[in-house]
């Protein structure tokens, strides 16, 4: 068999592998898809909006897309059942922290605020693991910003604290499939722009002045870490911070 590798050039880290991005139509998910493609992987993008997925697929050369609400259990089951071929890696970027006064939340909202990420990860893992190759990985997204309890954070701090031990426990149950958690601080994504509105540039300038790295963390930074977690088969059950030192300042 003739090798396609160029002499003197390292083999792409994800050559011949399949990567599923749950929430891959924009931001960190889309940038991870782009990075995975550059490292030789085939990528499959999911999201809620078919129009955004179509554009994202053209942008990165995705093999396949699927538009559905990841919070609907039946939709997640159907997606993985219909997915042809083996999977090597799944990354979940859908969802986000919920802020607000705890006393204003009803019981259902409290359950969602604390367990949302874990429930989603379990739903995806349960349906994906049967199609995943040994040594493949599930990459979860969390954060560093809510580690310190503060007014206005509500239950976000509790949800943040729960994810690292949850990741470790899930890694033991899914082995030899690996599970790792990326804990990000502020990342300059379209979602951040939508949340901050006209305060976005002010926040960027504040972080450039205060962060030890002297710049704002972008989606490409997180994507580089995500692809490393996929490629390095010695890594499982751990949490990896990427916030430019934000939690220290």
Protein backbone atom coordinates (compact mmCIF):
# COMPACT_ATOMS: atom_id res chain seq x y z
CA UNK A 1 0.00 0.00 0.00
CA UNK A 2 1.34 3.39 -0.97
CA UNK A 3 1.63 5.91 1.87
CA UNK A 4 0.21 9.40 1.32
CA UNK A 5 2.52 10.91 3.94
CA UNK A 6 5.10 13.42 2.73
CA UNK A 7 8.67 12.40 3.65
CA UNK A 8 9.97 14.51 6.54
CA UNK A 9 6.49 15.77 7.43
CA UNK A 10 4.63 14.34 10.46
CA UNK A 11 1.44 12.37 9.89
CA UNK A 12 -1.71 14.42 10.70
CA UNK A 13 -2.75 13.64 14.28
CA UNK A 14 -6.30 12.61 13.41
CA UNK A 15 -5.72 11.03 10.00
CA UNK A 16 -8.52 8.62 9.08
CA UNK A 17 -10.58 9.41 12.18
CA UNK A 18 -14.19 10.60 12.50
CA UNK A 19 -15.10 13.52 14.79
CA UNK A 20 -18.65 14.52 15.78
CA UNK A 21 -19.20 18.10 16.97
CA UNK A 22 -22.40 18.49 19.01
CA UNK A 23 -22.99 22.21 18.61
CA UNK A 24 -20.64 22.59 15.67
CA UNK A 25 -22.21 25.35 13.61
CA UNK A 26 -20.32 28.27 15.20
CA UNK A 27 -17.76 29.35 17.79
CA UNK A 28 -15.64 26.73 19.56
CA UNK A 29 -17.39 23.78 17.91
CA UNK A 30 -16.86 25.09 14.40
CA UNK A 31 -13.25 26.06 15.08
CA UNK A 32 -12.58 22.58 16.48
CA UNK A 33 -14.06 21.10 13.32
CA UNK A 34 -11.71 23.24 11.26
CA UNK A 35 -8.71 22.17 13.35
CA UNK A 36 -9.70 18.49 13.20
CA UNK A 37 -10.03 18.69 9.42
CA UNK A 38 -6.56 20.23 9.19
CA UNK A 39 -5.30 17.22 11.18
CA UNK A 40 -6.80 14.74 8.75
CA UNK A 41 -10.18 13.95 10.33
CA UNK A 42 -13.62 13.69 8.76
CA UNK A 43 -16.10 15.84 10.68
CA UNK A 44 -19.83 15.67 11.32
CA UNK A 45 -21.58 18.80 12.57
CA UNK A 46 -24.81 19.05 14.54
CA UNK A 47 -26.83 22.04 15.69
CA UNK A 48 -30.35 23.40 15.89
CA UNK A 49 -30.40 25.53 12.74
CA UNK A 50 -30.08 23.82 9.37
CA UNK A 51 -29.12 27.03 7.55
CA UNK A 52 -26.17 27.73 9.86
CA UNK A 53 -25.08 24.09 9.67
CA UNK A 54 -25.10 24.18 5.87
CA UNK A 55 -22.86 27.23 5.83
CA UNK A 56 -20.55 25.76 8.49
CA UNK A 57 -20.27 22.51 6.54
CA UNK A 58 -19.19 24.40 3.43
CA UNK A 59 -16.72 26.38 5.53
CA UNK A 60 -14.87 23.35 6.90
CA UNK A 61 -15.68 20.64 4.37
CA UNK A 62 -17.83 18.59 6.75
CA UNK A 63 -18.82 15.09 5.66
CA UNK A 64 -22.31 15.29 7.15
CA UNK A 65 -24.62 17.55 9.16
CA UNK A 66 -27.71 16.97 11.28
CA UNK A 67 -30.08 19.63 12.62
CA UNK A 68 -31.86 18.75 15.87
CA UNK A 69 -32.35 19.90 19.46
CA UNK A 70 -29.75 18.08 21.55
CA UNK A 71 -32.01 18.35 24.61
CA UNK A 72 -34.56 16.03 22.95
CA UNK A 73 -33.61 12.50 23.90
CA UNK A 74 -35.32 10.91 20.91
CA UNK A 75 -33.53 13.19 18.47
CA UNK A 76 -30.13 12.30 19.94
CA UNK A 77 -30.93 8.58 19.76
CA UNK A 78 -32.02 8.84 16.11
CA UNK A 79 -28.91 10.80 15.17
CA UNK A 80 -26.49 8.20 16.47
CA UNK A 81 -28.58 5.28 15.21
CA UNK A 82 -28.53 6.73 11.69
CA UNK A 83 -24.83 7.59 11.79
CA UNK A 84 -22.88 5.28 9.47
CA UNK A 85 -19.48 3.89 10.33
CA UNK A 86 -17.42 4.06 13.51
CA UNK A 87 -16.84 7.25 15.53
CA UNK A 88 -13.53 8.21 17.08
CA UNK A 89 -14.31 11.43 18.95
CA UNK A 90 -17.34 13.39 20.13
CA UNK A 91 -17.15 16.94 21.45
CA UNK A 92 -20.09 18.68 23.12
CA UNK A 93 -20.14 22.47 23.00
CA UNK A 94 -23.93 22.88 23.11
CA UNK A 95 -25.46 24.40 26.22
CA UNK A 96 -24.10 26.95 28.65
CA UNK A 97 -24.16 28.13 32.29
CA UNK A 98 -27.31 29.55 33.82
CA UNK A 99 -27.03 32.61 36.00
CA UNK A 100 -29.51 34.43 38.21
CA UNK A 101 -30.81 34.54 41.81
CA UNK A 102 -31.39 31.03 43.17
CA UNK A 103 -34.50 31.97 45.12
CA UNK A 104 -36.25 33.00 41.91
CA UNK A 105 -35.87 29.54 40.35
CA UNK A 106 -38.55 26.86 40.50
CA UNK A 107 -37.54 23.24 41.25
CA UNK A 108 -37.35 22.25 37.58
CA UNK A 109 -35.08 25.20 36.82
CA UNK A 110 -32.83 24.29 39.76
CA UNK A 111 -32.47 20.73 38.48
CA UNK A 112 -31.66 21.99 34.99
CA UNK A 113 -29.16 24.56 36.24
CA UNK A 114 -27.19 22.00 38.26
CA UNK A 115 -27.46 18.94 36.05
CA UNK A 116 -27.83 20.28 32.49
CA UNK A 117 -24.28 19.56 31.28
CA UNK A 118 -24.07 16.18 33.02
CA UNK A 119 -27.44 15.01 31.69
CA UNK A 120 -26.51 16.05 28.16
CA UNK A 121 -23.13 14.31 28.40
CA UNK A 122 -24.76 11.10 29.65
CA UNK A 123 -27.36 11.19 26.89
CA UNK A 124 -24.71 11.60 24.21
CA UNK A 125 -22.36 9.06 25.78
CA UNK A 126 -25.05 6.41 26.12
CA UNK A 127 -25.95 6.67 22.45
CA UNK A 128 -22.46 7.18 21.03
CA UNK A 129 -20.35 4.66 22.93
CA UNK A 130 -21.53 1.63 20.98
CA UNK A 131 -20.15 3.15 17.80
CA UNK A 132 -16.92 4.53 19.23
CA UNK A 133 -13.53 2.92 18.67
CA UNK A 134 -11.41 1.99 21.72
CA UNK A 135 -9.11 4.88 22.57
CA UNK A 136 -11.55 7.39 21.14
CA UNK A 137 -12.72 10.29 23.26
CA UNK A 138 -15.62 12.33 24.55
CA UNK A 139 -14.68 15.98 25.13
CA UNK A 140 -16.91 18.06 27.41
CA UNK A 141 -17.00 21.82 27.92
CA UNK A 142 -17.15 23.58 31.28
CA UNK A 143 -15.78 26.83 32.65
CA UNK A 144 -13.52 28.49 35.20
CA UNK A 145 -15.47 31.71 35.65
CA UNK A 146 -17.96 30.38 38.21
CA UNK A 147 -15.49 28.60 40.48
CA UNK A 148 -15.54 31.48 42.92
CA UNK A 149 -18.93 31.97 44.52
CA UNK A 150 -20.13 35.52 43.88
CA UNK A 151 -23.38 37.50 43.72
CA UNK A 152 -25.26 36.94 40.48
CA UNK A 153 -23.75 33.55 39.70
CA UNK A 154 -26.60 31.63 41.30
CA UNK A 155 -26.22 27.89 40.81
CA UNK A 156 -23.54 28.19 38.14
CA UNK A 157 -20.83 27.66 40.77
CA UNK A 158 -22.44 24.41 41.92
CA UNK A 159 -22.73 23.16 38.34
CA UNK A 160 -19.10 24.10 37.64
CA UNK A 161 -17.87 22.27 40.74
CA UNK A 162 -19.75 19.10 39.80
CA UNK A 163 -18.25 18.65 36.34
CA UNK A 164 -14.65 17.54 37.14
CA UNK A 165 -15.65 14.57 39.36
CA UNK A 166 -18.46 13.75 36.95
CA UNK A 167 -15.91 13.64 34.11
CA UNK A 168 -13.60 11.35 36.07
CA UNK A 169 -16.42 8.96 36.98
CA UNK A 170 -17.69 8.86 33.40
CA UNK A 171 -14.18 8.13 32.14
CA UNK A 172 -14.06 5.00 34.32
CA UNK A 173 -17.44 3.81 33.07
CA UNK A 174 -16.74 4.44 29.36
CA UNK A 175 -13.18 3.04 29.29
CA UNK A 176 -11.46 2.32 26.95
CA UNK A 177 -13.22 5.36 25.44
CA UNK A 178 -11.65 8.41 27.10
CA UNK A 179 -13.47 11.37 28.67
CA UNK A 180 -11.96 14.81 29.34
CA UNK A 181 -13.27 18.23 30.35
CA UNK A 182 -12.16 21.60 28.99
CA UNK A 183 -12.76 24.43 31.48
CA UNK A 184 -12.67 27.73 29.63
CA UNK A 185 -12.81 31.31 30.81
CA UNK A 186 -13.98 34.12 28.55
CA UNK A 187 -13.64 33.05 24.92
CA UNK A 188 -14.16 35.62 22.15
CA UNK A 189 -16.98 33.89 20.27
CA UNK A 190 -20.21 35.03 18.58
CA UNK A 191 -22.06 33.86 21.70
CA UNK A 192 -19.93 36.16 23.89
CA UNK A 193 -20.63 39.00 21.47
CA UNK A 194 -24.37 38.35 21.66
CA UNK A 195 -24.34 38.22 25.48
CA UNK A 196 -22.23 41.36 25.99
CA UNK A 197 -23.57 43.51 23.17
CA UNK A 198 -22.01 46.98 23.21
CA UNK A 199 -19.86 45.98 26.22
CA UNK A 200 -17.86 43.48 24.17
CA UNK A 201 -14.95 45.74 23.25
CA UNK A 202 -14.75 47.02 26.83
CA UNK A 203 -14.45 43.44 28.06
CA UNK A 204 -11.79 42.63 25.47
CA UNK A 205 -9.72 45.63 26.49
CA UNK A 206 -10.06 44.76 30.18
CA UNK A 207 -8.81 41.22 29.57
CA UNK A 208 -5.92 42.36 27.36
CA UNK A 209 -4.78 44.60 30.19
CA UNK A 210 -5.22 42.09 33.03
CA UNK A 211 -4.56 38.60 31.70
CA UNK A 212 -1.03 37.22 32.15
CA UNK A 213 -1.01 36.22 28.47
CA UNK A 214 -1.74 39.81 27.40
CA UNK A 215 -4.49 38.87 24.96
CA UNK A 216 -8.01 37.45 24.78
CA UNK A 217 -8.56 33.69 24.44
CA UNK A 218 -10.17 32.80 21.12
CA UNK A 219 -11.95 29.75 19.69
CA UNK A 220 -8.76 28.60 17.95
CA UNK A 221 -7.02 28.31 21.35
CA UNK A 222 -9.73 26.02 22.69
CA UNK A 223 -9.84 24.05 19.43
CA UNK A 224 -6.11 23.36 19.66
CA UNK A 225 -6.58 21.94 23.16
CA UNK A 226 -9.61 19.87 22.08
CA UNK A 227 -7.73 18.27 19.19
CA UNK A 228 -4.79 17.52 21.50
CA UNK A 229 -7.15 15.74 23.92
CA UNK A 230 -8.49 13.69 21.01
CA UNK A 231 -5.05 12.76 19.70
CA UNK A 232 -3.23 12.01 22.96
CA UNK A 233 -4.49 8.59 24.01
CA UNK A 234 -2.90 8.80 27.48
CA UNK A 235 -5.34 11.50 28.63
CA UNK A 236 -8.60 10.63 30.35
CA UNK A 237 -10.71 11.65 33.33
CA UNK A 238 -9.05 15.05 33.71
CA UNK A 239 -9.99 18.74 33.58
CA UNK A 240 -7.92 21.17 31.51
CA UNK A 241 -8.19 24.91 32.21
CA UNK A 242 -7.84 27.38 29.35
CA UNK A 243 -8.55 30.94 30.40
CA UNK A 244 -5.28 32.83 29.94
CA UNK A 245 -4.90 33.07 33.72
CA UNK A 246 -8.27 34.79 34.16
CA UNK A 247 -9.13 32.96 37.38
CA UNK A 248 -6.00 34.31 39.05
CA UNK A 249 -6.64 37.98 38.35
